[in-house]
Amino acid sequence: MLRSTFLGYKTATSALKVNQNHMDVTGQNISNINTKGYTRQRLDISSLSFNTSNMKFGSTGVVIGQGVEANGVSQFRDAFLDLRYRIEAAKSGSEYVQLEALSDLESVFDEISMDKLDAQFSDLAAQLHSLTSSPSDPVMEGVVRTSAEILTQMLNDYSRDIETIYKQQLSYLENGAVQKINELTKNIAKLNQQIKESNISDNPALELNDERNMLIDELSCYIDIEVDIEPLNIGGGKTIDELVIRLNGTINELVNRNDSSKITITKPDDEGYYITEILLTNKDDEETKVTDFIKGGQIDGYLKFLNGKGE
């Protein structure tokens, strides 16, 4: 069987076309070098083979391919590095919150730059020692009483300052971290829907994936998560990937494909005990207490500070 006269030209043309695509992708990468969240892209190519519908009637002799073709554009992204980054981000978020809260406490219990509790205890001990030398001296009794009153007032001031810091951290948790998590999970669920619609139309939606990855990375700073990709059969032997985000090591879902759950916290009980609990409410309004499952992120830092006993 004689080959087509212009088969060589066709092979060369396919190479030119694919290399032009390579240049386009390279230009896209260079132009976005300073774009926040951008993931470097690559052109996926494959050899274009000689095809026959039935090899029984195929040609004999040497079979040579017919050039190269571009199959699509994908991203240079490492799932292991994403996992490691999000684990470390959760650890960093927890430690950051505890550091900030302890810094506030340090400013209250500052025994280095100024005389406070330790100095007042020492003063009271010294006055009591002086009183033992002349226990009937009314002047010394008054001095001891005054020193004790100053110490009592100081302890009351400490108590009020600690209560203020506690309420401040509780407010940061409820109006800061919790609201941010709910906002992020809601936006991730919306992006999941947009990416799904694009994938069904054979559009890889790489820019939307970049935006979603940025939100997931930010979410990992607030709470420890694990990200799973689950296939969805859309018919015709074709599947697309959908994203699910769970609390790390649990089945509790923060994002289930196109739906997001809501995080809330409990209020102090009637007896005034401040045990803060984290509740997860899914799209079916089913509520689950997940406090004990949270092991990282800013939420974990707030819980350790608010519920911890200082061990």
C-alpha atoms as a PDB file:
ATOM      1  CA  MET A   1       0.000   0.000   0.000  1.00  0.00           C
ATOM      2  CA  LEU A   2       1.418   3.336  -1.052  1.00  0.00           C
ATOM      3  CA  ARG A   3       1.294   6.094   1.454  1.00  0.00           C
ATOM      4  CA  SER A   4      -0.296   9.415   0.713  1.00  0.00           C
ATOM      5  CA  THR A   5       1.942  11.818  -1.148  1.00  0.00           C
ATOM      6  CA  PHE A   6       1.439  14.539   1.465  1.00  0.00           C
ATOM      7  CA  LEU A   7       1.645  12.324   4.566  1.00  0.00           C
ATOM      8  CA  GLY A   8       5.064  13.774   5.450  1.00  0.00           C
ATOM      9  CA  TYR A   9       3.642  17.277   5.241  1.00  0.00           C
ATOM     10  CA  LYS A  10       0.756  16.261   7.479  1.00  0.00           C
ATOM     11  CA  THR A  11       3.180  14.877  10.084  1.00  0.00           C
ATOM     12  CA  ALA A  12       5.277  18.038   9.958  1.00  0.00           C
ATOM     13  CA  THR A  13       2.174  20.226  10.210  1.00  0.00           C
ATOM     14  CA  SER A  14       1.021  18.400  13.335  1.00  0.00           C
ATOM     15  CA  ALA A  15       4.432  19.038  14.896  1.00  0.00           C
ATOM     16  CA  LEU A  16       4.263  22.747  14.061  1.00  0.00           C
ATOM     17  CA  LYS A  17       0.756  23.006  15.460  1.00  0.00           C
ATOM     18  CA  VAL A  18       1.654  21.252  18.734  1.00  0.00           C
ATOM     19  CA  ASN A  19       4.808  23.307  19.178  1.00  0.00           C
ATOM     20  CA  GLN A  20       2.761  26.451  18.625  1.00  0.00           C
ATOM     21  CA  ASN A  21       0.509  25.221  21.432  1.00  0.00           C
ATOM     22  CA  HIS A  22       3.621  24.686  23.566  1.00  0.00           C
ATOM     23  CA  MET A  23       4.620  28.302  22.941  1.00  0.00           C
ATOM     24  CA  ASP A  24       1.114  29.486  23.858  1.00  0.00           C
ATOM     25  CA  VAL A  25       1.182  27.582  27.166  1.00  0.00           C
ATOM     26  CA  THR A  26       4.687  28.859  27.925  1.00  0.00           C
ATOM     27  CA  GLY A  27       3.512  32.415  27.241  1.00  0.00           C
ATOM     28  CA  GLN A  28       0.530  31.855  29.555  1.00  0.00           C
ATOM     29  CA  ASN A  29       2.856  30.663  32.325  1.00  0.00           C
ATOM     30  CA  ILE A  30       5.259  33.582  31.930  1.00  0.00           C
ATOM     31  CA  SER A  31       2.484  36.176  31.800  1.00  0.00           C
ATOM     32  CA  ASN A  32       1.034  34.823  35.064  1.00  0.00           C
ATOM     33  CA  ILE A  33       4.311  34.502  36.945  1.00  0.00           C
ATOM     34  CA  ASN A  34       3.122  37.094  39.498  1.00  0.00           C
ATOM     35  CA  THR A  35      -0.528  36.018  39.575  1.00  0.00           C
ATOM     36  CA  LYS A  36      -1.521  34.940  43.084  1.00  0.00           C
ATOM     37  CA  GLY A  37      -2.532  31.284  43.239  1.00  0.00           C
ATOM     38  CA  TYR A  38      -1.609  30.542  39.634  1.00  0.00           C
ATOM     39  CA  THR A  39      -0.503  26.968  38.981  1.00  0.00           C
ATOM     40  CA  ARG A  40       1.972  26.373  36.155  1.00  0.00           C
ATOM     41  CA  GLN A  41       0.337  24.668  33.184  1.00  0.00           C
ATOM     42  CA  ARG A  42       1.613  22.111  30.681  1.00  0.00           C
ATOM     43  CA  LEU A  43       0.490  20.788  27.328  1.00  0.00           C
ATOM     44  CA  ASP A  44      -0.436  17.103  27.291  1.00  0.00           C
ATOM     45  CA  ILE A  45       0.591  15.506  24.001  1.00  0.00           C
ATOM     46  CA  SER A  46       0.636  12.033  22.488  1.00  0.00           C
ATOM     47  CA  SER A  47       1.830  10.311  19.348  1.00  0.00           C
ATOM     48  CA  LEU A  48      -0.742  10.128  16.571  1.00  0.00           C
ATOM     49  CA  SER A  49      -0.922   6.496  15.533  1.00  0.00           C
ATOM     50  CA  PHE A  50      -2.000   4.807  12.309  1.00  0.00           C
ATOM     51  CA  ASN A  51      -5.550   3.533  12.943  1.00  0.00           C
ATOM     52  CA  THR A  52      -7.649   0.834  11.291  1.00  0.00           C
ATOM     53  CA  SER A  53     -11.058  -0.301  12.402  1.00  0.00           C
ATOM     54  CA  ASN A  54     -10.222  -3.968  11.892  1.00  0.00           C
ATOM     55  CA  MET A  55      -6.637  -5.201  11.994  1.00  0.00           C
ATOM     56  CA  LYS A  56      -7.656  -8.252   9.894  1.00  0.00           C
ATOM     57  CA  PHE A  57      -7.854  -5.944   6.925  1.00  0.00           C
ATOM     58  CA  GLY A  58      -5.051  -3.652   8.029  1.00  0.00           C
ATOM     59  CA  SER A  59      -2.038  -2.916   5.889  1.00  0.00           C
ATOM     60  CA  THR A  60       1.030  -5.124   6.096  1.00  0.00           C
ATOM     61  CA  GLY A  61       4.612  -4.071   6.452  1.00  0.00           C
ATOM     62  CA  VAL A  62       6.015  -1.163   8.439  1.00  0.00           C
ATOM     63  CA  VAL A  63       3.417   0.919  10.300  1.00  0.00           C
ATOM     64  CA  ILE A  64       4.577   4.444  11.105  1.00  0.00           C
ATOM     65  CA  GLY A  65       2.745   6.998  13.176  1.00  0.00           C
ATOM     66  CA  GLN A  66       1.286  10.098  11.637  1.00  0.00           C
ATOM     67  CA  GLY A  67       2.673  12.807  13.887  1.00  0.00           C
ATOM     68  CA  VAL A  68       1.694  14.280  17.219  1.00  0.00           C
ATOM     69  CA  GLU A  69      -1.451  15.754  18.703  1.00  0.00           C
ATOM     70  CA  ALA A  70      -2.340  17.881  21.733  1.00  0.00           C
ATOM     71  CA  ASN A  71      -4.791  16.239  24.136  1.00  0.00           C
ATOM     72  CA  GLY A  72      -5.342  19.178  26.458  1.00  0.00           C
ATOM     73  CA  VAL A  73      -3.785  21.422  29.080  1.00  0.00           C
ATOM     74  CA  SER A  74      -3.205  20.339  32.695  1.00  0.00           C
ATOM     75  CA  GLN A  75      -1.428  21.713  35.755  1.00  0.00           C
ATOM     76  CA  PHE A  76       1.853  20.943  37.494  1.00  0.00           C
ATOM     77  CA  ARG A  77       0.331  20.256  40.904  1.00  0.00           C
ATOM     78  CA  ASP A  78       1.531  17.764  43.516  1.00  0.00           C
ATOM     79  CA  ALA A  79      -1.192  16.298  45.739  1.00  0.00           C
ATOM     80  CA  PHE A  80       1.395  15.272  48.351  1.00  0.00           C
ATOM     81  CA  LEU A  81       2.749  18.814  48.636  1.00  0.00           C
ATOM     82  CA  ASP A  82      -0.809  20.154  48.930  1.00  0.00           C
ATOM     83  CA  LEU A  83      -1.433  17.699  51.759  1.00  0.00           C
ATOM     84  CA  ARG A  84       1.776  18.600  53.596  1.00  0.00           C
ATOM     85  CA  TYR A  85       1.135  22.336  53.212  1.00  0.00           C
ATOM     86  CA  ARG A  86      -2.382  22.055  54.620  1.00  0.00           C
ATOM     87  CA  ILE A  87      -1.221  19.951  57.565  1.00  0.00           C
ATOM     88  CA  GLU A  88       1.454  22.496  58.459  1.00  0.00           C
ATOM     89  CA  ALA A  89      -0.949  25.401  57.896  1.00  0.00           C
ATOM     90  CA  ALA A  90      -3.342  23.862  60.445  1.00  0.00           C
ATOM     91  CA  LYS A  91      -0.511  23.518  62.986  1.00  0.00           C
ATOM     92  CA  SER A  92       0.634  27.081  62.353  1.00  0.00           C
ATOM     93  CA  GLY A  93      -2.885  28.462  62.696  1.00  0.00           C
ATOM     94  CA  SER A  94      -3.385  26.792  66.069  1.00  0.00           C
ATOM     95  CA  GLU A  95      -0.053  27.969  67.452  1.00  0.00           C
ATOM     96  CA  TYR A  96      -0.582  31.513  66.149  1.00  0.00           C
ATOM     97  CA  VAL A  97      -3.892  31.914  67.992  1.00  0.00           C
ATOM     98  CA  GLN A  98      -2.457  30.559  71.252  1.00  0.00           C
ATOM     99  CA  LEU A  99       0.579  32.845  70.955  1.00  0.00           C
ATOM    100  CA  GLU A 100      -1.632  35.914  70.483  1.00  0.00           C
ATOM    101  CA  ALA A 101      -3.873  34.973  73.405  1.00  0.00           C
ATOM    102  CA  LEU A 102      -0.942  34.214  75.723  1.00  0.00           C
ATOM    103  CA  SER A 103       0.658  37.517  74.729  1.00  0.00           C
ATOM    104  CA  ASP A 104      -2.488  39.264  75.988  1.00  0.00           C
ATOM    105  CA  LEU A 105      -2.222  37.353  79.265  1.00  0.00           C
ATOM    106  CA  GLU A 106       1.464  38.197  79.490  1.00  0.00           C
ATOM    107  CA  SER A 107       0.619  41.895  79.427  1.00  0.00           C
ATOM    108  CA  VAL A 108      -1.664  41.330  82.444  1.00  0.00           C
ATOM    109  CA  PHE A 109       0.790  39.211  84.445  1.00  0.00           C
ATOM    110  CA  ASP A 110       3.827  41.365  83.688  1.00  0.00           C
ATOM    111  CA  GLU A 111       6.161  40.745  86.615  1.00  0.00           C
ATOM    112  CA  ILE A 112       9.307  41.846  84.782  1.00  0.00           C
ATOM    113  CA  SER A 113       8.843  45.443  83.704  1.00  0.00           C
ATOM    114  CA  MET A 114       6.742  46.504  86.691  1.00  0.00           C
ATOM    115  CA  ASP A 115       6.011  45.481  90.273  1.00  0.00           C
ATOM    116  CA  LYS A 116       2.738  43.595  90.432  1.00  0.00           C
ATOM    117  CA  LEU A 117       1.454  40.476  92.158  1.00  0.00           C
ATOM    118  CA  ASP A 118       4.770  39.036  93.295  1.00  0.00           C
ATOM    119  CA  ALA A 119       5.889  42.365  94.757  1.00  0.00           C
ATOM    120  CA  GLN A 120       2.586  42.814  96.592  1.00  0.00           C
ATOM    121  CA  PHE A 121       2.764  39.320  98.081  1.00  0.00           C
ATOM    122  CA  SER A 122       6.275  40.097  99.250  1.00  0.00           C
ATOM    123  CA  ASP A 123       5.091  43.390 100.770  1.00  0.00           C
ATOM    124  CA  LEU A 124       2.253  41.675 102.646  1.00  0.00           C
ATOM    125  CA  ALA A 125       4.628  38.980 103.932  1.00  0.00           C
ATOM    126  CA  ALA A 126       7.050  41.661 105.096  1.00  0.00           C
ATOM    127  CA  GLN A 127       4.296  43.607 106.893  1.00  0.00           C
ATOM    128  CA  LEU A 128       3.028  40.437 108.587  1.00  0.00           C
ATOM    129  CA  HIS A 129       6.568  39.705 109.739  1.00  0.00           C
ATOM    130  CA  SER A 130       6.815  43.213 111.192  1.00  0.00           C
ATOM    131  CA  LEU A 131       3.464  42.759 112.915  1.00  0.00           C
ATOM    132  CA  THR A 132       4.755  39.681 114.763  1.00  0.00           C
ATOM    133  CA  SER A 133       7.330  41.924 116.496  1.00  0.00           C
ATOM    134  CA  SER A 134       4.619  44.192 117.933  1.00  0.00           C
ATOM    135  CA  PRO A 135       1.239  42.465 117.510  1.00  0.00           C
ATOM    136  CA  SER A 136      -0.609  45.065 119.625  1.00  0.00           C
ATOM    137  CA  ASP A 137       0.544  48.050 117.584  1.00  0.00           C
ATOM    138  CA  PRO A 138      -2.587  49.519 115.883  1.00  0.00           C
ATOM    139  CA  VAL A 139      -0.438  51.338 113.335  1.00  0.00           C
ATOM    140  CA  MET A 140       1.149  48.088 112.172  1.00  0.00           C
ATOM    141  CA  GLU A 141      -2.270  46.442 112.058  1.00  0.00           C
ATOM    142  CA  GLY A 142      -3.456  49.231 109.749  1.00  0.00           C
ATOM    143  CA  VAL A 143      -0.402  48.819 107.520  1.00  0.00           C
ATOM    144  CA  VAL A 144      -1.022  45.069 107.226  1.00  0.00           C
ATOM    145  CA  ARG A 145      -4.712  45.653 106.485  1.00  0.00           C
ATOM    146  CA  THR A 146      -3.852  48.183 103.790  1.00  0.00           C
ATOM    147  CA  SER A 147      -1.346  45.820 102.173  1.00  0.00           C
ATOM    148  CA  ALA A 148      -3.899  43.006 102.217  1.00  0.00           C
ATOM    149  CA  GLU A 149      -6.558  45.275 100.680  1.00  0.00           C
ATOM    150  CA  ILE A 150      -4.164  46.291  97.885  1.00  0.00           C
ATOM    151  CA  LEU A 151      -3.422  42.618  97.198  1.00  0.00           C
ATOM    152  CA  THR A 152      -7.149  41.787  97.138  1.00  0.00           C
ATOM    153  CA  GLN A 153      -7.855  44.665  94.770  1.00  0.00           C
ATOM    154  CA  MET A 154      -5.026  43.531  92.535  1.00  0.00           C
ATOM    155  CA  LEU A 155      -6.439  39.989  92.391  1.00  0.00           C
ATOM    156  CA  ASN A 156      -9.856  41.387  91.487  1.00  0.00           C
ATOM    157  CA  ASP A 157      -8.276  43.482  88.727  1.00  0.00           C
ATOM    158  CA  TYR A 158      -6.519  40.400  87.407  1.00  0.00           C
ATOM    159  CA  SER A 159      -9.814  38.508  87.411  1.00  0.00           C
ATOM    160  CA  ARG A 160     -11.549  41.253  85.407  1.00  0.00           C
ATOM    161  CA  ASP A 161      -8.653  41.474  82.935  1.00  0.00           C
ATOM    162  CA  ILE A 162      -8.659  37.709  82.405  1.00  0.00           C
ATOM    163  CA  GLU A 163     -12.434  37.737  81.909  1.00  0.00           C
ATOM    164  CA  THR A 164     -12.047  40.518  79.336  1.00  0.00           C
ATOM    165  CA  ILE A 165      -9.410  38.531  77.439  1.00  0.00           C
ATOM    166  CA  TYR A 166     -11.619  35.444  77.567  1.00  0.00           C
ATOM    167  CA  LYS A 167     -14.617  37.277  76.108  1.00  0.00           C
ATOM    168  CA  GLN A 168     -12.367  38.858  73.511  1.00  0.00           C
ATOM    169  CA  GLN A 169     -11.050  35.473  72.364  1.00  0.00           C
ATOM    170  CA  LEU A 170     -14.583  34.047  72.334  1.00  0.00           C
ATOM    171  CA  SER A 171     -15.648  36.948  70.116  1.00  0.00           C
ATOM    172  CA  TYR A 172     -12.665  36.343  67.809  1.00  0.00           C
ATOM    173  CA  LEU A 173     -13.712  32.702  67.534  1.00  0.00           C
ATOM    174  CA  GLU A 174     -17.395  33.352  66.855  1.00  0.00           C
ATOM    175  CA  ASN A 175     -17.210  36.494  64.720  1.00  0.00           C
ATOM    176  CA  GLY A 176     -13.848  35.846  63.106  1.00  0.00           C
ATOM    177  CA  ALA A 177     -12.751  32.239  62.585  1.00  0.00           C
ATOM    178  CA  VAL A 178     -16.202  30.611  62.507  1.00  0.00           C
ATOM    179  CA  GLN A 179     -17.671  33.156  60.108  1.00  0.00           C
ATOM    180  CA  LYS A 180     -14.603  32.893  57.874  1.00  0.00           C
ATOM    181  CA  ILE A 181     -14.891  29.102  57.708  1.00  0.00           C
ATOM    182  CA  ASN A 182     -18.556  29.334  56.731  1.00  0.00           C
ATOM    183  CA  GLU A 183     -17.735  31.896  54.063  1.00  0.00           C
ATOM    184  CA  LEU A 184     -14.899  29.782  52.638  1.00  0.00           C
ATOM    185  CA  THR A 185     -16.875  26.526  52.538  1.00  0.00           C
ATOM    186  CA  LYS A 186     -19.806  28.291  50.855  1.00  0.00           C
ATOM    187  CA  ASN A 187     -17.548  29.759  48.168  1.00  0.00           C
ATOM    188  CA  ILE A 188     -15.758  26.435  47.626  1.00  0.00           C
ATOM    189  CA  ALA A 189     -19.122  24.712  47.104  1.00  0.00           C
ATOM    190  CA  LYS A 190     -20.064  27.355  44.499  1.00  0.00           C
ATOM    191  CA  LEU A 191     -16.774  26.828  42.695  1.00  0.00           C
ATOM    192  CA  ASN A 192     -17.354  23.069  42.764  1.00  0.00           C
ATOM    193  CA  GLN A 193     -20.590  23.613  40.837  1.00  0.00           C
ATOM    194  CA  GLN A 194     -18.926  25.917  38.303  1.00  0.00           C
ATOM    195  CA  ILE A 195     -16.012  23.522  37.786  1.00  0.00           C
ATOM    196  CA  LYS A 196     -18.405  20.601  37.390  1.00  0.00           C
ATOM    197  CA  GLU A 197     -20.382  22.423  34.696  1.00  0.00           C
ATOM    198  CA  SER A 198     -17.158  23.335  32.886  1.00  0.00           C
ATOM    199  CA  ASN A 199     -15.791  19.772  33.087  1.00  0.00           C
ATOM    200  CA  ILE A 200     -19.010  18.379  31.624  1.00  0.00           C
ATOM    201  CA  SER A 201     -18.380  20.673  28.632  1.00  0.00           C
ATOM    202  CA  ASP A 202     -14.776  19.354  28.369  1.00  0.00           C
ATOM    203  CA  ASN A 203     -13.355  22.591  29.769  1.00  0.00           C
ATOM    204  CA  PRO A 204     -10.692  21.837  32.433  1.00  0.00           C
ATOM    205  CA  ALA A 205     -11.452  25.195  34.159  1.00  0.00           C
ATOM    206  CA  LEU A 206      -7.869  25.537  35.342  1.00  0.00           C
ATOM    207  CA  GLU A 207      -8.321  29.126  36.541  1.00  0.00           C
ATOM    208  CA  LEU A 208     -11.336  28.103  38.630  1.00  0.00           C
ATOM    209  CA  ASN A 209      -9.257  25.259  40.067  1.00  0.00           C
ATOM    210  CA  ASP A 210      -6.576  27.777  41.043  1.00  0.00           C
ATOM    211  CA  GLU A 211      -9.169  29.931  42.792  1.00  0.00           C
ATOM    212  CA  ARG A 212     -10.582  26.914  44.620  1.00  0.00           C
ATOM    213  CA  ASN A 213      -7.137  25.720  45.710  1.00  0.00           C
ATOM    214  CA  MET A 214      -6.423  29.138  47.219  1.00  0.00           C
ATOM    215  CA  LEU A 215      -9.641  28.965  49.226  1.00  0.00           C
ATOM    216  CA  ILE A 216      -8.849  25.413  50.382  1.00  0.00           C
ATOM    217  CA  ASP A 217      -5.359  26.474  51.475  1.00  0.00           C
ATOM    218  CA  GLU A 218      -6.882  29.383  53.421  1.00  0.00           C
ATOM    219  CA  LEU A 219      -9.476  27.072  54.983  1.00  0.00           C
ATOM    220  CA  SER A 220      -6.704  24.766  56.230  1.00  0.00           C
ATOM    221  CA  CYS A 221      -5.369  27.642  58.356  1.00  0.00           C
ATOM    222  CA  TYR A 222      -8.648  27.747  60.277  1.00  0.00           C
ATOM    223  CA  ILE A 223      -9.454  24.056  60.696  1.00  0.00           C
ATOM    224  CA  ASP A 224      -7.705  20.764  59.948  1.00  0.00           C
ATOM    225  CA  ILE A 225      -9.163  19.215  56.818  1.00  0.00           C
ATOM    226  CA  GLU A 226      -8.705  16.392  54.374  1.00  0.00           C
ATOM    227  CA  VAL A 227      -9.587  16.802  50.704  1.00  0.00           C
ATOM    228  CA  ASP A 228     -10.922  13.908  48.651  1.00  0.00           C
ATOM    229  CA  ILE A 229     -11.652  13.700  44.933  1.00  0.00           C
ATOM    230  CA  GLU A 230     -14.598  11.450  44.090  1.00  0.00           C
ATOM    231  CA  PRO A 231     -15.545  10.462  40.511  1.00  0.00           C
ATOM    232  CA  LEU A 232     -19.010  11.204  39.130  1.00  0.00           C
ATOM    233  CA  ASN A 233     -20.370   9.196  36.198  1.00  0.00           C
ATOM    234  CA  ILE A 234     -22.035  11.591  33.742  1.00  0.00           C
ATOM    235  CA  GLY A 235     -22.956   8.923  31.183  1.00  0.00           C
ATOM    236  CA  GLY A 236     -21.459   7.806  27.927  1.00  0.00           C
ATOM    237  CA  GLY A 237     -18.608   6.125  29.755  1.00  0.00           C
ATOM    238  CA  LYS A 238     -17.334   9.498  30.929  1.00  0.00           C
ATOM    239  CA  THR A 239     -16.570  10.587  34.490  1.00  0.00           C
ATOM    240  CA  ILE A 240     -15.581  13.870  36.081  1.00  0.00           C
ATOM    241  CA  ASP A 241     -13.963  14.545  39.459  1.00  0.00           C
ATOM    242  CA  GLU A 242     -15.876  16.173  42.317  1.00  0.00           C
ATOM    243  CA  LEU A 243     -14.362  17.515  45.516  1.00  0.00           C
ATOM    244  CA  VAL A 244     -15.312  16.680  49.113  1.00  0.00           C
ATOM    245  CA  ILE A 245     -13.752  18.312  52.195  1.00  0.00           C
ATOM    246  CA  ARG A 246     -14.013  16.576  55.584  1.00  0.00           C
ATOM    247  CA  LEU A 247     -12.734  17.211  59.070  1.00  0.00           C
ATOM    248  CA  ASN A 248      -9.407  15.402  59.157  1.00  0.00           C
ATOM    249  CA  GLY A 249      -9.819  11.758  60.160  1.00  0.00           C
ATOM    250  CA  THR A 250     -13.634  11.874  60.287  1.00  0.00           C
ATOM    251  CA  ILE A 251     -16.673  11.484  58.037  1.00  0.00           C
ATOM    252  CA  ASN A 252     -17.960  14.938  58.981  1.00  0.00           C
ATOM    253  CA  GLU A 253     -18.180  16.910  55.747  1.00  0.00           C
ATOM    254  CA  LEU A 254     -17.538  20.634  55.525  1.00  0.00           C
ATOM    255  CA  VAL A 255     -18.088  20.600  51.753  1.00  0.00           C
ATOM    256  CA  ASN A 256     -19.947  17.823  49.955  1.00  0.00           C
ATOM    257  CA  ARG A 257     -19.589  18.524  46.246  1.00  0.00           C
ATOM    258  CA  ASN A 258     -21.975  21.452  45.655  1.00  0.00           C
ATOM    259  CA  ASP A 259     -23.210  21.732  49.257  1.00  0.00           C
ATOM    260  CA  SER A 260     -21.538  23.215  52.321  1.00  0.00           C
ATOM    261  CA  SER A 261     -22.108  22.697  56.040  1.00  0.00           C
ATOM    262  CA  LYS A 262     -22.256  25.440  58.655  1.00  0.00           C
ATOM    263  CA  ILE A 263     -20.078  25.797  61.747  1.00  0.00           C
ATOM    264  CA  THR A 264     -21.540  27.321  64.936  1.00  0.00           C
ATOM    265  CA  ILE A 265     -20.499  27.503  68.601  1.00  0.00           C
ATOM    266  CA  THR A 266     -22.431  27.000  71.818  1.00  0.00           C
ATOM    267  CA  LYS A 267     -23.024  29.785  74.320  1.00  0.00           C
ATOM    268  CA  PRO A 268     -22.162  29.664  78.049  1.00  0.00           C
ATOM    269  CA  ASP A 269     -24.716  27.648  80.025  1.00  0.00           C
ATOM    270  CA  ASP A 270     -27.056  28.955  82.711  1.00  0.00           C
ATOM    271  CA  GLU A 271     -24.520  28.329  85.458  1.00  0.00           C
ATOM    272  CA  GLY A 272     -21.922  30.464  83.685  1.00  0.00           C
ATOM    273  CA  TYR A 273     -19.511  27.671  82.803  1.00  0.00           C
ATOM    274  CA  TYR A 274     -17.681  28.584  79.654  1.00  0.00           C
ATOM    275  CA  ILE A 275     -17.218  25.306  77.826  1.00  0.00           C
ATOM    276  CA  THR A 276     -17.184  26.189  74.145  1.00  0.00           C
ATOM    277  CA  GLU A 277     -18.445  23.491  71.782  1.00  0.00           C
ATOM    278  CA  ILE A 278     -18.227  23.453  67.983  1.00  0.00           C
ATOM    279  CA  LEU A 279     -21.321  22.281  66.106  1.00  0.00           C
ATOM    280  CA  LEU A 280     -21.521  21.240  62.444  1.00  0.00           C
ATOM    281  CA  THR A 281     -24.884  21.572  60.670  1.00  0.00           C
ATOM    282  CA  ASN A 282     -25.221  19.971  57.224  1.00  0.00           C
ATOM    283  CA  LYS A 283     -27.618  20.878  54.403  1.00  0.00           C
ATOM    284  CA  ASP A 284     -30.307  18.638  55.938  1.00  0.00           C
ATOM    285  CA  ASP A 285     -30.092  20.619  59.225  1.00  0.00           C
ATOM    286  CA  GLU A 286     -28.562  17.636  61.008  1.00  0.00           C
ATOM    287  CA  GLU A 287     -26.379  18.903  63.854  1.00  0.00           C
ATOM    288  CA  THR A 288     -23.208  17.154  65.045  1.00  0.00           C
ATOM    289  CA  LYS A 289     -20.881  18.122  67.896  1.00  0.00           C
ATOM    290  CA  VAL A 290     -17.352  18.008  66.464  1.00  0.00           C
ATOM    291  CA  THR A 291     -15.302  19.720  69.195  1.00  0.00           C
ATOM    292  CA  ASP A 292     -13.271  16.614  70.041  1.00  0.00           C
ATOM    293  CA  PHE A 293     -12.429  15.957  66.369  1.00  0.00           C
ATOM    294  CA  ILE A 294     -10.745  19.299  65.740  1.00  0.00           C
ATOM    295  CA  LYS A 295      -6.976  18.891  66.105  1.00  0.00           C
ATOM    296  CA  GLY A 296      -5.566  21.839  64.195  1.00  0.00           C
ATOM    297  CA  GLY A 297      -6.162  25.284  62.759  1.00  0.00           C
ATOM    298  CA  GLN A 298      -7.164  28.512  64.454  1.00  0.00           C
ATOM    299  CA  ILE A 299     -10.340  26.871  65.781  1.00  0.00           C
ATOM    300  CA  ASP A 300      -8.178  24.379  67.671  1.00  0.00           C
ATOM    301  CA  GLY A 301      -6.080  27.218  69.108  1.00  0.00           C
ATOM    302  CA  TYR A 302      -9.152  29.035  70.398  1.00  0.00           C
ATOM    303  CA  LEU A 303     -10.570  25.844  71.916  1.00  0.00           C
ATOM    304  CA  LYS A 304      -7.310  25.072  73.725  1.00  0.00           C
ATOM    305  CA  PHE A 305      -7.212  28.576  75.147  1.00  0.00           C
ATOM    306  CA  LEU A 306     -10.914  28.808  76.061  1.00  0.00           C
ATOM    307  CA  ASN A 307     -11.486  25.240  77.311  1.00  0.00           C
ATOM    308  CA  GLY A 308      -7.978  24.280  78.407  1.00  0.00           C
ATOM    309  CA  LYS A 309      -6.835  23.924  81.985  1.00  0.00           C
ATOM    310  CA  GLY A 310      -3.268  25.086  81.461  1.00  0.00           C
ATOM    311  CA  GLU A 311      -1.555  21.732  81.748  1.00  0.00           C
END
